[in-house]
């Protein structure tokens, strides 16, 4: 197995470094020809081998990721690294294997999956849950993929499979510039390159994930050995060399818009001039996921005290998971100024935000962004290592709504109205005032949602976001492999916004517009029909990803181990722990 190529940033890129990088690309070029020669059935077998290796590496993966973020073996939030690392990857591999197996048998990936219509004549694929275990363990959660207007159900079925419909046509070698914040992102992007595009992949890891390279080498050895994957380390000079490399056919980046612009147009005044003249420095296609400022729309209703507490903790989780270093961390709460319970909810939100466990602010540049937020809003409420910005009447929300702080900064703004009037105004505010189109969250009680009728779904259709979560956090869409992940369509290299293209998409759907997640408004036992007012039933008393879940770490580890080995006794123990969350 070829080990990762490392470039020492202290001395820069020399001739020997370039030769090692060129050799890695040559290996992948040969690997691309080998990949094209594999049947779809052989590819499914290969992914099963990857799954076995990932399962064997799961504990080391989660532990290494947690330690790299300053979370020791007893920290209550260490479970985040089980769910966002090996759990997400195992789920993706299972879903891709199922799609490939269907194609290998001459079946359509969408066979047996319900397809109907969403507002605006869109085709809607009911993409989650598709397995009995997901229906049981994640009861109450569902997910849909909405395709672009004009795509018919027939066309959706015809296009499902993407490059696996023509497996012998090589997509060449692609470059994946890996994210630095979540450990599964780089490898999930590699899998999508292989399966959606028939491209072997050169993965350049972000320096924040250097500690995970040895884990990745073991977990993805079945892809590395035949030349389908190479992993390299290094700083910006390595990235610059690779993006310009003539043998690389495509670039995919998860990162910031500033980095994207530097790749596409170049840095400094020369880059600005190229942009004005529409002369990109990059001469190959690029896709990207670049984050944004995500809204959390709180639709007013008649909530119980328990509802208020639970949803306040829900919002605290959306901001504070991974210390806020997430591209889809909720940043701006949009509330109604006419909601009678607004004061009680603000109080509960302050309490939940303050009480969440302390943790290191670890991502590079986070301290400077926190200081920027403090400078933008000197009257913000300082709650330990986090800021709460409550925009008052006449106060300027521009910075809050247009700066992705990528740190524990949460803001609250208000618009007027109740019912449909508020929802329509909040959707317009999110679309027009907040930067980016990656993810939007919305909280609404069952009675209020029912009272809005078809107006509710029309409002959802108006949200211009690639991932929408209703009574859930968009991160649920991220870890659900049969849903899609990416910005709302329409961005260009000149105005990239939250990015271009999608990933994950294990059903390999074409012409995707968005994914929509629905979750339960109330946890168990309040999700029982007698107390739920027609809402969704769930067996989860508090999801393990909540920062307030007392047993979140143990449950997250247990769910990952069950995903890895299917052990029923371990699952039973995990469910018992979940009841104490």
Protein backbone atom coordinates (compact mmCIF):
# COMPACT_ATOMS: atom_id res chain seq x y z
CA UNK A 1 0.00 0.00 0.00
CA UNK A 2 1.35 3.44 -0.91
CA UNK A 3 1.61 5.77 2.06
CA UNK A 4 0.52 9.37 1.93
CA UNK A 5 2.78 11.87 0.21
CA UNK A 6 3.86 14.59 2.63
CA UNK A 7 5.23 18.02 1.75
CA UNK A 8 6.99 19.99 4.49
CA UNK A 9 5.35 23.44 4.54
CA UNK A 10 8.40 24.94 6.26
CA UNK A 11 10.56 24.53 3.14
CA UNK A 12 7.93 24.80 0.44
CA UNK A 13 7.47 22.71 -2.69
CA UNK A 14 10.70 21.46 -4.26
CA UNK A 15 11.43 19.24 -7.24
CA UNK A 16 11.33 16.05 -5.19
CA UNK A 17 7.91 17.02 -3.85
CA UNK A 18 6.60 17.62 -7.35
CA UNK A 19 7.95 14.27 -8.48
CA UNK A 20 6.15 12.49 -5.63
CA UNK A 21 2.91 14.28 -6.43
CA UNK A 22 3.30 13.48 -10.14
CA UNK A 23 3.90 9.83 -9.28
CA UNK A 24 0.70 9.73 -7.23
CA UNK A 25 -1.22 11.19 -10.17
CA UNK A 26 0.35 8.67 -12.56
CA UNK A 27 -0.78 5.88 -10.24
CA UNK A 28 -4.31 7.26 -10.31
CA UNK A 29 -4.23 7.62 -14.09
CA UNK A 30 -3.46 3.92 -14.36
CA UNK A 31 -6.06 3.26 -11.68
CA UNK A 32 -8.69 5.08 -13.73
CA UNK A 33 -8.17 2.58 -16.54
CA UNK A 34 -8.46 -0.29 -14.06
CA UNK A 35 -11.63 1.18 -12.57
CA UNK A 36 -13.19 1.40 -16.04
CA UNK A 37 -12.50 -2.30 -16.53
CA UNK A 38 -14.40 -3.34 -13.39
CA UNK A 39 -17.96 -4.51 -13.70
CA UNK A 40 -20.55 -2.89 -11.47
CA UNK A 41 -20.76 -6.10 -9.47
CA UNK A 42 -17.01 -6.01 -8.89
CA UNK A 43 -17.30 -2.42 -7.71
CA UNK A 44 -19.96 -3.44 -5.20
CA UNK A 45 -17.65 -6.19 -3.94
CA UNK A 46 -14.82 -3.68 -3.61
CA UNK A 47 -17.00 -1.34 -1.55
CA UNK A 48 -17.90 -4.22 0.76
CA UNK A 49 -14.17 -4.67 1.39
CA UNK A 50 -13.89 -0.95 2.14
CA UNK A 51 -16.79 -1.29 4.54
CA UNK A 52 -15.02 -4.08 6.41
CA UNK A 53 -11.88 -1.98 6.71
CA UNK A 54 -13.80 1.12 7.87
CA UNK A 55 -15.63 -0.95 10.50
CA UNK A 56 -12.31 -2.27 11.79
CA UNK A 57 -10.94 1.29 11.96
CA UNK A 58 -14.00 2.91 13.53
CA UNK A 59 -12.74 3.13 17.11
CA UNK A 60 -9.33 4.49 16.15
CA UNK A 61 -11.01 6.92 13.74
CA UNK A 62 -13.40 8.35 16.33
CA UNK A 63 -10.73 8.50 19.05
CA UNK A 64 -8.16 10.21 16.80
CA UNK A 65 -10.68 12.77 15.58
CA UNK A 66 -11.85 13.54 19.12
CA UNK A 67 -8.31 13.98 20.45
CA UNK A 68 -7.43 16.25 17.52
CA UNK A 69 -10.26 18.54 18.65
CA UNK A 70 -9.28 18.51 22.32
CA UNK A 71 -11.98 16.07 23.45
CA UNK A 72 -10.60 13.48 25.88
CA UNK A 73 -11.97 10.01 26.50
CA UNK A 74 -14.45 11.23 29.12
CA UNK A 75 -15.72 14.37 27.40
CA UNK A 76 -19.53 14.28 27.03
CA UNK A 77 -19.37 15.47 23.40
CA UNK A 78 -16.84 12.94 22.11
CA UNK A 79 -19.72 11.01 20.52
CA UNK A 80 -19.89 13.66 17.81
CA UNK A 81 -16.81 12.11 16.24
CA UNK A 82 -18.40 8.66 16.07
CA UNK A 83 -21.48 9.96 14.23
CA UNK A 84 -19.75 12.46 11.93
CA UNK A 85 -16.91 10.08 11.07
CA UNK A 86 -17.26 6.29 10.84
CA UNK A 87 -21.06 6.18 11.30
CA UNK A 88 -21.63 8.50 8.33
CA UNK A 89 -19.11 6.65 6.20
CA UNK A 90 -20.48 3.18 6.97
CA UNK A 91 -23.99 4.36 6.12
CA UNK A 92 -22.79 5.77 2.82
CA UNK A 93 -20.98 2.56 1.89
CA UNK A 94 -24.07 0.49 2.67
CA UNK A 95 -26.24 2.74 0.52
CA UNK A 96 -23.79 2.78 -2.40
CA UNK A 97 -23.47 -1.00 -2.27
CA UNK A 98 -27.26 -1.30 -2.48
CA UNK A 99 -27.39 1.01 -5.52
CA UNK A 100 -24.56 -0.80 -7.28
CA UNK A 101 -26.08 -4.19 -6.50
CA UNK A 102 -29.36 -3.14 -8.06
CA UNK A 103 -27.63 -1.88 -11.18
CA UNK A 104 -25.54 -5.06 -11.41
CA UNK A 105 -28.77 -7.09 -11.35
CA UNK A 106 -30.27 -4.97 -14.12
CA UNK A 107 -32.62 -3.17 -11.74
CA UNK A 108 -33.19 0.55 -11.34
CA UNK A 109 -31.83 2.27 -8.21
CA UNK A 110 -35.31 3.72 -7.65
CA UNK A 111 -37.15 0.41 -7.89
CA UNK A 112 -39.64 0.15 -5.02
CA UNK A 113 -38.99 3.73 -3.85
CA UNK A 114 -42.01 6.03 -3.72
CA UNK A 115 -41.96 8.94 -6.15
CA UNK A 116 -44.60 11.65 -6.21
CA UNK A 117 -44.97 15.37 -6.85
CA UNK A 118 -43.82 18.33 -4.78
CA UNK A 119 -45.04 21.92 -5.29
CA UNK A 120 -44.25 23.51 -8.62
CA UNK A 121 -44.55 20.24 -10.52
CA UNK A 122 -41.29 18.94 -9.07
CA UNK A 123 -40.62 15.23 -8.89
CA UNK A 124 -40.04 14.13 -5.30
CA UNK A 125 -38.16 10.95 -4.36
CA UNK A 126 -38.88 9.60 -0.87
CA UNK A 127 -35.28 8.65 -0.16
CA UNK A 128 -35.32 7.95 3.60
CA UNK A 129 -35.87 5.64 5.42
CA UNK A 130 -35.33 2.74 3.02
CA UNK A 131 -34.33 0.01 5.49
CA UNK A 132 -36.23 -1.58 8.33
CA UNK A 133 -33.58 -0.69 10.90
CA UNK A 134 -33.66 3.00 9.93
CA UNK A 135 -37.45 2.99 10.10
CA UNK A 136 -37.24 1.64 13.65
CA UNK A 137 -34.25 3.42 15.18
CA UNK A 138 -34.91 6.76 13.46
CA UNK A 139 -38.69 6.62 13.54
CA UNK A 140 -40.24 10.01 12.96
CA UNK A 141 -37.50 11.12 10.57
CA UNK A 142 -38.06 11.07 6.82
CA UNK A 143 -36.19 12.54 3.89
CA UNK A 144 -37.05 13.53 0.33
CA UNK A 145 -35.01 14.57 -2.68
CA UNK A 146 -36.73 17.18 -4.85
CA UNK A 147 -35.56 17.28 -8.44
CA UNK A 148 -35.39 20.35 -10.63
CA UNK A 149 -38.68 21.63 -12.08
CA UNK A 150 -39.43 19.85 -15.34
CA UNK A 151 -37.84 16.52 -14.42
CA UNK A 152 -40.55 13.86 -14.72
CA UNK A 153 -40.67 10.64 -12.68
CA UNK A 154 -39.82 8.76 -15.87
CA UNK A 155 -36.77 10.96 -16.44
CA UNK A 156 -35.75 10.54 -12.78
CA UNK A 157 -35.71 6.76 -13.16
CA UNK A 158 -33.91 6.98 -16.49
CA UNK A 159 -31.15 9.14 -15.05
CA UNK A 160 -30.65 7.31 -11.74
CA UNK A 161 -27.21 5.72 -11.65
CA UNK A 162 -25.24 8.62 -13.18
CA UNK A 163 -21.81 7.38 -14.33
CA UNK A 164 -22.57 3.81 -13.22
CA UNK A 165 -24.93 3.59 -16.18
CA UNK A 166 -21.84 3.80 -18.40
CA UNK A 167 -19.18 2.18 -16.22
CA UNK A 168 -16.57 1.80 -18.94
CA UNK A 169 -16.43 5.55 -19.63
CA UNK A 170 -13.63 6.98 -17.49
CA UNK A 171 -13.91 10.38 -15.89
CA UNK A 172 -10.14 10.55 -15.47
CA UNK A 173 -8.50 11.66 -12.23
CA UNK A 174 -10.11 14.19 -9.89
CA UNK A 175 -8.64 16.32 -7.12
CA UNK A 176 -10.49 16.46 -3.80
CA UNK A 177 -9.44 19.32 -1.53
CA UNK A 178 -10.66 17.93 1.76
CA UNK A 179 -12.54 19.78 4.48
CA UNK A 180 -10.78 20.40 7.76
CA UNK A 181 -13.71 20.36 10.17
CA UNK A 182 -15.56 17.02 9.84
CA UNK A 183 -13.64 13.80 9.34
CA UNK A 184 -16.03 12.01 6.98
CA UNK A 185 -16.32 14.85 4.46
CA UNK A 186 -13.08 14.17 2.53
CA UNK A 187 -13.67 10.44 2.15
CA UNK A 188 -17.35 10.84 1.28
CA UNK A 189 -16.27 13.26 -1.44
CA UNK A 190 -13.79 10.66 -2.72
CA UNK A 191 -16.53 8.03 -2.89
CA UNK A 192 -18.76 10.40 -4.85
CA UNK A 193 -15.98 11.08 -7.34
CA UNK A 194 -15.60 7.36 -7.96
CA UNK A 195 -19.29 6.48 -8.19
CA UNK A 196 -21.03 9.53 -9.63
CA UNK A 197 -18.28 10.43 -12.08
CA UNK A 198 -16.03 7.36 -12.58
CA UNK A 199 -13.07 9.45 -11.43
CA UNK A 200 -10.22 8.10 -9.34
CA UNK A 201 -9.30 10.61 -6.66
CA UNK A 202 -6.28 12.42 -5.31
CA UNK A 203 -7.28 13.52 -1.82
CA UNK A 204 -5.35 16.42 -0.36
CA UNK A 205 -6.22 16.48 3.31
CA UNK A 206 -6.57 19.73 5.20
CA UNK A 207 -3.67 20.15 7.66
CA UNK A 208 -6.16 20.01 10.54
CA UNK A 209 -6.79 16.36 9.61
CA UNK A 210 -3.18 15.20 9.26
CA UNK A 211 -3.58 13.00 12.35
CA UNK A 212 -6.28 11.02 10.54
CA UNK A 213 -4.23 10.14 7.47
CA UNK A 214 -2.96 6.86 8.93
CA UNK A 215 -6.55 5.95 9.83
CA UNK A 216 -7.72 6.74 6.30
CA UNK A 217 -4.88 4.66 4.86
CA UNK A 218 -6.06 1.60 6.77
CA UNK A 219 -9.78 2.23 6.32
CA UNK A 220 -9.50 2.82 2.57
CA UNK A 221 -6.69 0.39 1.78
CA UNK A 222 -8.96 -1.52 -0.66
CA UNK A 223 -9.15 1.67 -2.78
CA UNK A 224 -5.52 2.68 -2.32
CA UNK A 225 -3.94 -0.65 -3.29
CA UNK A 226 -5.41 -0.81 -6.85
CA UNK A 227 -4.69 2.86 -7.51
CA UNK A 228 -8.19 4.30 -7.10
CA UNK A 229 -7.18 6.66 -4.29
CA UNK A 230 -4.06 8.51 -3.23
CA UNK A 231 -3.77 10.75 -0.17
CA UNK A 232 -1.39 13.69 0.10
CA UNK A 233 -0.60 16.20 2.82
CA UNK A 234 0.61 19.75 2.47
CA UNK A 235 -0.17 23.44 2.62
CA UNK A 236 -1.47 25.90 0.05
CA UNK A 237 1.49 25.47 -2.29
CA UNK A 238 0.58 21.82 -2.76
CA UNK A 239 -3.01 22.77 -3.53
CA UNK A 240 -1.85 25.38 -6.04
CA UNK A 241 0.38 22.90 -7.81
CA UNK A 242 -2.34 20.28 -7.99
CA UNK A 243 -5.19 22.52 -9.16
CA UNK A 244 -3.04 23.55 -12.11
CA UNK A 245 -1.85 20.03 -12.90
CA UNK A 246 -2.65 19.08 -16.51
CA UNK A 247 -3.43 15.44 -15.68
CA UNK A 248 -6.17 16.28 -13.19
CA UNK A 249 -9.56 16.54 -14.88
CA UNK A 250 -11.65 18.10 -12.15
CA UNK A 251 -11.45 19.84 -8.76
CA UNK A 252 -13.84 19.45 -5.83
CA UNK A 253 -13.38 21.61 -2.75
CA UNK A 254 -15.09 21.84 0.61
CA UNK A 255 -13.99 25.08 2.20
CA UNK A 256 -14.49 28.82 1.99
CA UNK A 257 -15.53 31.11 -0.83
CA UNK A 258 -12.22 32.95 -0.46
CA UNK A 259 -10.27 29.75 -1.12
CA UNK A 260 -12.55 28.92 -4.04
CA UNK A 261 -11.94 32.35 -5.57
CA UNK A 262 -8.18 32.02 -5.13
CA UNK A 263 -8.27 28.69 -6.98
CA UNK A 264 -10.51 29.90 -9.81
CA UNK A 265 -9.23 33.43 -10.30
CA UNK A 266 -5.88 33.60 -8.50
CA UNK A 267 -4.78 35.67 -5.54
CA UNK A 268 -4.22 39.38 -5.04
CA UNK A 269 -4.70 42.12 -7.58
CA UNK A 270 -4.06 39.76 -10.50
CA UNK A 271 -6.94 37.57 -9.36
CA UNK A 272 -9.25 40.56 -9.06
CA UNK A 273 -8.32 41.64 -12.57
CA UNK A 274 -8.99 38.18 -14.00
CA UNK A 275 -12.36 38.15 -12.29
CA UNK A 276 -13.31 41.53 -13.74
CA UNK A 277 -12.24 40.34 -17.18
CA UNK A 278 -13.84 36.88 -16.73
CA UNK A 279 -10.54 35.10 -17.38
CA UNK A 280 -10.37 32.24 -14.89
CA UNK A 281 -6.97 30.98 -13.87
CA UNK A 282 -8.43 27.49 -13.41
CA UNK A 283 -8.86 25.72 -16.74
CA UNK A 284 -10.85 22.71 -15.57
CA UNK A 285 -14.31 22.13 -14.09
CA UNK A 286 -14.82 22.65 -10.37
CA UNK A 287 -17.54 21.82 -7.87
CA UNK A 288 -17.67 23.14 -4.33
CA UNK A 289 -19.42 23.16 -0.96
CA UNK A 290 -18.69 26.46 0.75
CA UNK A 291 -21.07 26.91 3.67
CA UNK A 292 -23.09 30.02 4.46
CA UNK A 293 -25.22 31.63 7.17
CA UNK A 294 -27.97 29.15 8.02
CA UNK A 295 -31.36 30.30 9.34
CA UNK A 296 -33.44 28.65 12.06
CA UNK A 297 -37.04 29.73 11.51
CA UNK A 298 -39.18 29.39 14.65
CA UNK A 299 -42.85 29.42 13.65
CA UNK A 300 -44.98 30.75 16.53
CA UNK A 301 -47.55 28.44 18.07
CA UNK A 302 -48.99 27.29 21.37
CA UNK A 303 -46.00 25.47 22.87
CA UNK A 304 -45.78 23.73 26.23
CA UNK A 305 -42.93 24.49 28.63
CA UNK A 306 -41.39 21.14 27.64
CA UNK A 307 -41.63 22.09 23.95
CA UNK A 308 -39.86 25.37 24.63
CA UNK A 309 -37.05 23.69 26.57
CA UNK A 310 -36.55 20.92 24.02
CA UNK A 311 -36.46 23.20 20.99
CA UNK A 312 -34.15 25.67 22.75
CA UNK A 313 -31.71 22.79 23.28
CA UNK A 314 -32.26 21.82 19.65
CA UNK A 315 -31.16 25.27 18.49
CA UNK A 316 -28.18 25.29 20.87
CA UNK A 317 -27.09 22.02 19.25
CA UNK A 318 -27.40 23.46 15.74
CA UNK A 319 -24.89 26.16 16.69
CA UNK A 320 -22.59 24.43 19.19
CA UNK A 321 -22.06 20.96 17.73
CA UNK A 322 -18.37 20.72 16.77
CA UNK A 323 -17.96 24.08 18.57
CA UNK A 324 -19.80 25.79 15.71
CA UNK A 325 -17.12 24.82 13.20
CA UNK A 326 -19.71 23.47 10.75
CA UNK A 327 -20.70 24.74 7.33
CA UNK A 328 -24.35 24.24 8.28
CA UNK A 329 -24.26 25.36 11.88
CA UNK A 330 -27.44 27.32 12.53
CA UNK A 331 -26.47 30.96 12.98
CA UNK A 332 -29.54 33.20 12.77
CA UNK A 333 -32.76 32.42 14.64
CA UNK A 334 -35.73 34.11 12.94
CA UNK A 335 -38.58 34.61 15.43
CA UNK A 336 -41.90 36.42 15.40
CA UNK A 337 -42.15 39.73 17.22
CA UNK A 338 -45.85 38.94 17.67
CA UNK A 339 -45.42 35.54 19.35
CA UNK A 340 -46.86 35.60 22.86
CA UNK A 341 -44.27 33.07 24.02
CA UNK A 342 -41.28 34.86 22.47
CA UNK A 343 -40.01 36.07 25.85
CA UNK A 344 -40.20 32.60 27.40
CA UNK A 345 -38.44 31.10 24.41
CA UNK A 346 -35.63 33.67 24.49
CA UNK A 347 -35.08 32.90 28.18
CA UNK A 348 -34.95 29.17 27.49
CA UNK A 349 -32.58 29.71 24.56
CA UNK A 350 -30.17 31.73 26.69
CA UNK A 351 -30.24 28.99 29.33
CA UNK A 352 -29.69 26.13 26.86
CA UNK A 353 -26.93 28.00 25.05
CA UNK A 354 -25.13 28.77 28.29
CA UNK A 355 -25.52 25.29 29.85
CA UNK A 356 -24.10 23.27 26.96
CA UNK A 357 -20.80 21.58 27.90
CA UNK A 358 -17.63 23.62 27.52
CA UNK A 359 -15.21 22.52 24.84
CA UNK A 360 -12.12 23.88 23.05
CA UNK A 361 -12.56 26.34 20.22
CA UNK A 362 -10.16 24.46 18.00
CA UNK A 363 -10.54 25.43 14.34
CA UNK A 364 -7.81 27.75 12.95
CA UNK A 365 -8.93 31.38 12.83
CA UNK A 366 -11.90 30.85 15.17
CA UNK A 367 -10.59 33.20 17.84
CA UNK A 368 -10.21 36.00 15.30
CA UNK A 369 -13.74 35.41 14.03
CA UNK A 370 -15.07 35.47 17.59
CA UNK A 371 -13.31 38.79 18.08
CA UNK A 372 -14.81 40.02 14.83
CA UNK A 373 -18.27 39.13 16.14
CA UNK A 374 -17.53 40.93 19.41
CA UNK A 375 -16.42 43.99 17.47
CA UNK A 376 -19.51 43.79 15.26
CA UNK A 377 -21.79 43.51 18.31
CA UNK A 378 -20.09 44.84 21.45
CA UNK A 379 -23.34 44.43 23.43
CA UNK A 380 -23.61 40.72 22.66
CA UNK A 381 -24.21 38.41 25.59
CA UNK A 382 -20.98 36.61 26.49
CA UNK A 383 -21.72 33.12 27.82
CA UNK A 384 -18.37 31.55 28.60
CA UNK A 385 -16.76 30.67 25.29
CA UNK A 386 -19.75 31.65 23.16
CA UNK A 387 -21.66 34.73 22.03
CA UNK A 388 -25.40 35.34 21.76
CA UNK A 389 -26.35 38.31 19.60
CA UNK A 390 -29.95 39.43 20.09
CA UNK A 391 -30.70 42.07 17.48
CA UNK A 392 -32.81 44.84 18.98
CA UNK A 393 -35.07 47.36 17.29
CA UNK A 394 -33.05 49.63 15.05
CA UNK A 395 -29.88 47.53 15.37
CA UNK A 396 -28.05 46.55 12.19
CA UNK A 397 -28.10 42.79 11.54
CA UNK A 398 -26.02 42.97 8.35
CA UNK A 399 -22.80 41.53 9.80
CA UNK A 400 -24.63 38.71 11.57
CA UNK A 401 -26.56 37.78 8.45
CA UNK A 402 -23.67 38.00 6.00
CA UNK A 403 -20.68 36.68 7.93
CA UNK A 404 -20.26 32.95 8.40
CA UNK A 405 -18.48 33.16 11.76
CA UNK A 406 -17.70 29.40 11.80
CA UNK A 407 -17.50 29.68 15.58
CA UNK A 408 -19.91 29.67 18.56
CA UNK A 409 -21.82 32.82 17.61
CA UNK A 410 -25.63 32.66 17.54
CA UNK A 411 -27.94 35.52 16.62
CA UNK A 412 -31.66 36.22 16.99
CA UNK A 413 -33.68 38.51 14.70
CA UNK A 414 -37.40 39.17 14.50
CA UNK A 415 -40.00 39.64 11.79
CA UNK A 416 -43.67 40.36 12.34
CA UNK A 417 -46.78 38.25 12.03
CA UNK A 418 -48.11 34.85 13.03
CA UNK A 419 -49.22 31.81 11.06
CA UNK A 420 -48.81 31.99 7.29
CA UNK A 421 -48.02 35.70 7.41
CA UNK A 422 -44.99 35.07 9.62
CA UNK A 423 -43.84 32.00 7.69
CA UNK A 424 -43.93 33.80 4.36
CA UNK A 425 -42.10 36.80 5.83
CA UNK A 426 -39.47 34.58 7.46
CA UNK A 427 -38.84 32.68 4.22
CA UNK A 428 -38.41 35.95 2.34
CA UNK A 429 -36.07 37.23 5.04
CA UNK A 430 -33.92 34.07 4.90
CA UNK A 431 -33.78 34.11 1.10
CA UNK A 432 -33.01 37.81 0.76
CA UNK A 433 -31.02 38.80 3.84
CA UNK A 434 -28.84 35.80 4.76
CA UNK A 435 -25.69 34.87 2.88
CA UNK A 436 -25.64 31.46 1.23
CA UNK A 437 -28.04 28.69 0.20
CA UNK A 438 -26.63 25.54 1.79
CA UNK A 439 -29.05 24.75 4.63
CA UNK A 440 -32.16 26.09 6.37
CA UNK A 441 -33.90 24.82 9.51
CA UNK A 442 -37.52 25.31 10.54
CA UNK A 443 -39.31 24.48 13.80
CA UNK A 444 -43.11 24.23 13.88
CA UNK A 445 -45.54 22.44 16.18
CA UNK A 446 -47.93 19.88 14.63
CA UNK A 447 -51.11 21.89 15.25
CA UNK A 448 -49.74 25.02 13.61
CA UNK A 449 -48.38 23.08 10.64
CA UNK A 450 -51.76 21.40 10.15
CA UNK A 451 -53.56 24.75 10.31
CA UNK A 452 -51.42 26.11 7.44
CA UNK A 453 -52.46 23.32 5.08
CA UNK A 454 -50.90 23.51 1.62
CA UNK A 455 -49.52 26.96 2.43
CA UNK A 456 -46.83 25.30 4.53
CA UNK A 457 -45.42 23.22 1.70
CA UNK A 458 -45.62 26.16 -0.70
CA UNK A 459 -43.48 28.13 1.76
CA UNK A 460 -40.96 25.29 1.91
CA UNK A 461 -40.80 25.31 -1.88
CA UNK A 462 -39.94 29.03 -1.76
CA UNK A 463 -36.90 28.45 0.47
CA UNK A 464 -33.86 28.63 -1.80
CA UNK A 465 -31.66 26.16 0.06
CA UNK A 466 -30.07 22.88 -0.95
CA UNK A 467 -30.94 21.20 2.34
CA UNK A 468 -34.03 22.00 4.42
CA UNK A 469 -34.79 20.46 7.80
CA UNK A 470 -38.25 20.69 9.38
CA UNK A 471 -38.20 19.94 13.11
CA UNK A 472 -34.70 18.63 12.57
CA UNK A 473 -31.22 19.99 11.91
CA UNK A 474 -29.81 19.90 8.38
CA UNK A 475 -26.88 17.85 9.72
CA UNK A 476 -29.33 14.93 9.71
CA UNK A 477 -29.49 15.38 5.95
CA UNK A 478 -25.69 15.39 5.83
CA UNK A 479 -25.35 12.00 7.52
CA UNK A 480 -28.20 10.44 5.51
CA UNK A 481 -26.46 9.05 2.42
CA UNK A 482 -29.52 8.67 0.20
CA UNK A 483 -30.16 12.41 0.50
CA UNK A 484 -28.09 15.00 -1.33
CA UNK A 485 -25.74 17.61 0.03
CA UNK A 486 -24.91 20.88 -1.68
CA UNK A 487 -26.03 24.44 -2.34
CA UNK A 488 -29.25 25.38 -4.08
CA UNK A 489 -28.68 25.31 -7.86
CA UNK A 490 -27.84 28.45 -9.79
CA UNK A 491 -24.39 29.53 -8.59
CA UNK A 492 -21.54 30.23 -11.02
CA UNK A 493 -17.80 30.62 -10.64
CA UNK A 494 -18.33 34.38 -10.78
CA UNK A 495 -20.89 34.30 -7.94
CA UNK A 496 -20.34 30.99 -6.18
CA UNK A 497 -22.34 31.58 -3.01
CA UNK A 498 -22.52 28.30 -1.07
CA UNK A 499 -21.09 26.29 -3.94
CA UNK A 500 -21.94 24.29 -7.03
CA UNK A 501 -22.94 20.65 -7.41
CA UNK A 502 -23.94 17.98 -4.90
CA UNK A 503 -22.32 15.05 -3.11
CA UNK A 504 -23.49 11.98 -1.11
CA UNK A 505 -26.59 11.20 -3.24
CA UNK A 506 -26.24 7.44 -2.88
CA UNK A 507 -29.20 6.82 -5.21
CA UNK A 508 -27.11 8.61 -7.86
CA UNK A 509 -29.94 10.91 -8.91
CA UNK A 510 -29.55 13.43 -11.70
CA UNK A 511 -30.70 17.09 -11.77
CA UNK A 512 -31.19 17.48 -8.02
CA UNK A 513 -32.60 20.70 -6.60
CA UNK A 514 -32.75 20.07 -2.85
CA UNK A 515 -33.26 17.57 -0.06
CA UNK A 516 -35.92 18.01 2.65
CA UNK A 517 -35.79 16.33 6.06
CA UNK A 518 -38.81 16.02 8.35
CA UNK A 519 -38.38 15.18 12.03
CA UNK A 520 -40.54 14.81 15.14
CA UNK A 521 -41.41 18.02 16.99
CA UNK A 522 -41.60 16.18 20.32
CA UNK A 523 -39.34 13.42 21.69
CA UNK A 524 -40.45 10.19 23.33
CA UNK A 525 -42.65 9.80 25.39
CA UNK A 526 -44.27 13.10 24.43
CA UNK A 527 -44.28 11.84 20.84
CA UNK A 528 -46.97 9.29 21.77
CA UNK A 529 -50.24 10.07 19.95
CA UNK A 530 -52.14 10.84 23.16
CA UNK A 531 -49.85 13.82 23.85
CA UNK A 532 -48.60 14.81 20.42
CA UNK A 533 -51.48 16.55 18.66
CA UNK A 534 -51.04 14.62 15.43
CA UNK A 535 -47.26 14.96 15.32
CA UNK A 536 -44.69 12.35 14.32
CA UNK A 537 -43.92 9.44 16.64
CA UNK A 538 -40.31 8.69 17.55
CA UNK A 539 -38.66 6.28 19.97
CA UNK A 540 -35.84 8.76 20.73
CA UNK A 541 -36.27 10.55 24.07
CA UNK A 542 -33.53 12.98 23.06
CA UNK A 543 -31.39 12.52 19.95
CA UNK A 544 -27.80 11.56 20.80
CA UNK A 545 -26.45 14.44 18.72
CA UNK A 546 -28.03 17.01 21.07
CA UNK A 547 -25.29 18.74 23.05
CA UNK A 548 -27.56 18.35 26.09
CA UNK A 549 -27.95 14.55 25.75
CA UNK A 550 -26.50 13.07 28.95
CA UNK A 551 -25.69 9.74 27.31
CA UNK A 552 -24.97 11.12 23.83
CA UNK A 553 -21.38 9.88 23.72
CA UNK A 554 -22.24 6.31 24.69
CA UNK A 555 -25.28 6.15 22.40
CA UNK A 556 -23.38 7.59 19.42
CA UNK A 557 -20.62 5.03 19.89
CA UNK A 558 -23.16 2.23 20.31
CA UNK A 559 -25.07 3.17 17.17
CA UNK A 560 -21.83 3.24 15.20
CA UNK A 561 -20.76 -0.16 16.50
CA UNK A 562 -24.18 -1.53 15.57
CA UNK A 563 -23.84 -0.02 12.10
CA UNK A 564 -20.44 -1.70 11.86
CA UNK A 565 -21.25 -5.21 13.09
CA UNK A 566 -25.01 -5.51 13.51
CA UNK A 567 -24.70 -6.88 17.04
CA UNK A 568 -28.15 -7.02 18.62
CA UNK A 569 -27.04 -7.27 22.29
CA UNK A 570 -24.98 -4.12 21.88
CA UNK A 571 -27.92 -2.36 20.25
CA UNK A 572 -30.16 -3.26 23.18
CA UNK A 573 -27.64 -1.78 25.61
CA UNK A 574 -27.42 1.34 23.45
CA UNK A 575 -31.20 1.79 23.40
CA UNK A 576 -31.32 1.48 27.19
CA UNK A 577 -28.69 4.24 27.42
CA UNK A 578 -30.71 6.33 24.97
CA UNK A 579 -33.66 6.23 27.36
CA UNK A 580 -31.46 7.99 29.93
CA UNK A 581 -30.43 10.79 27.55
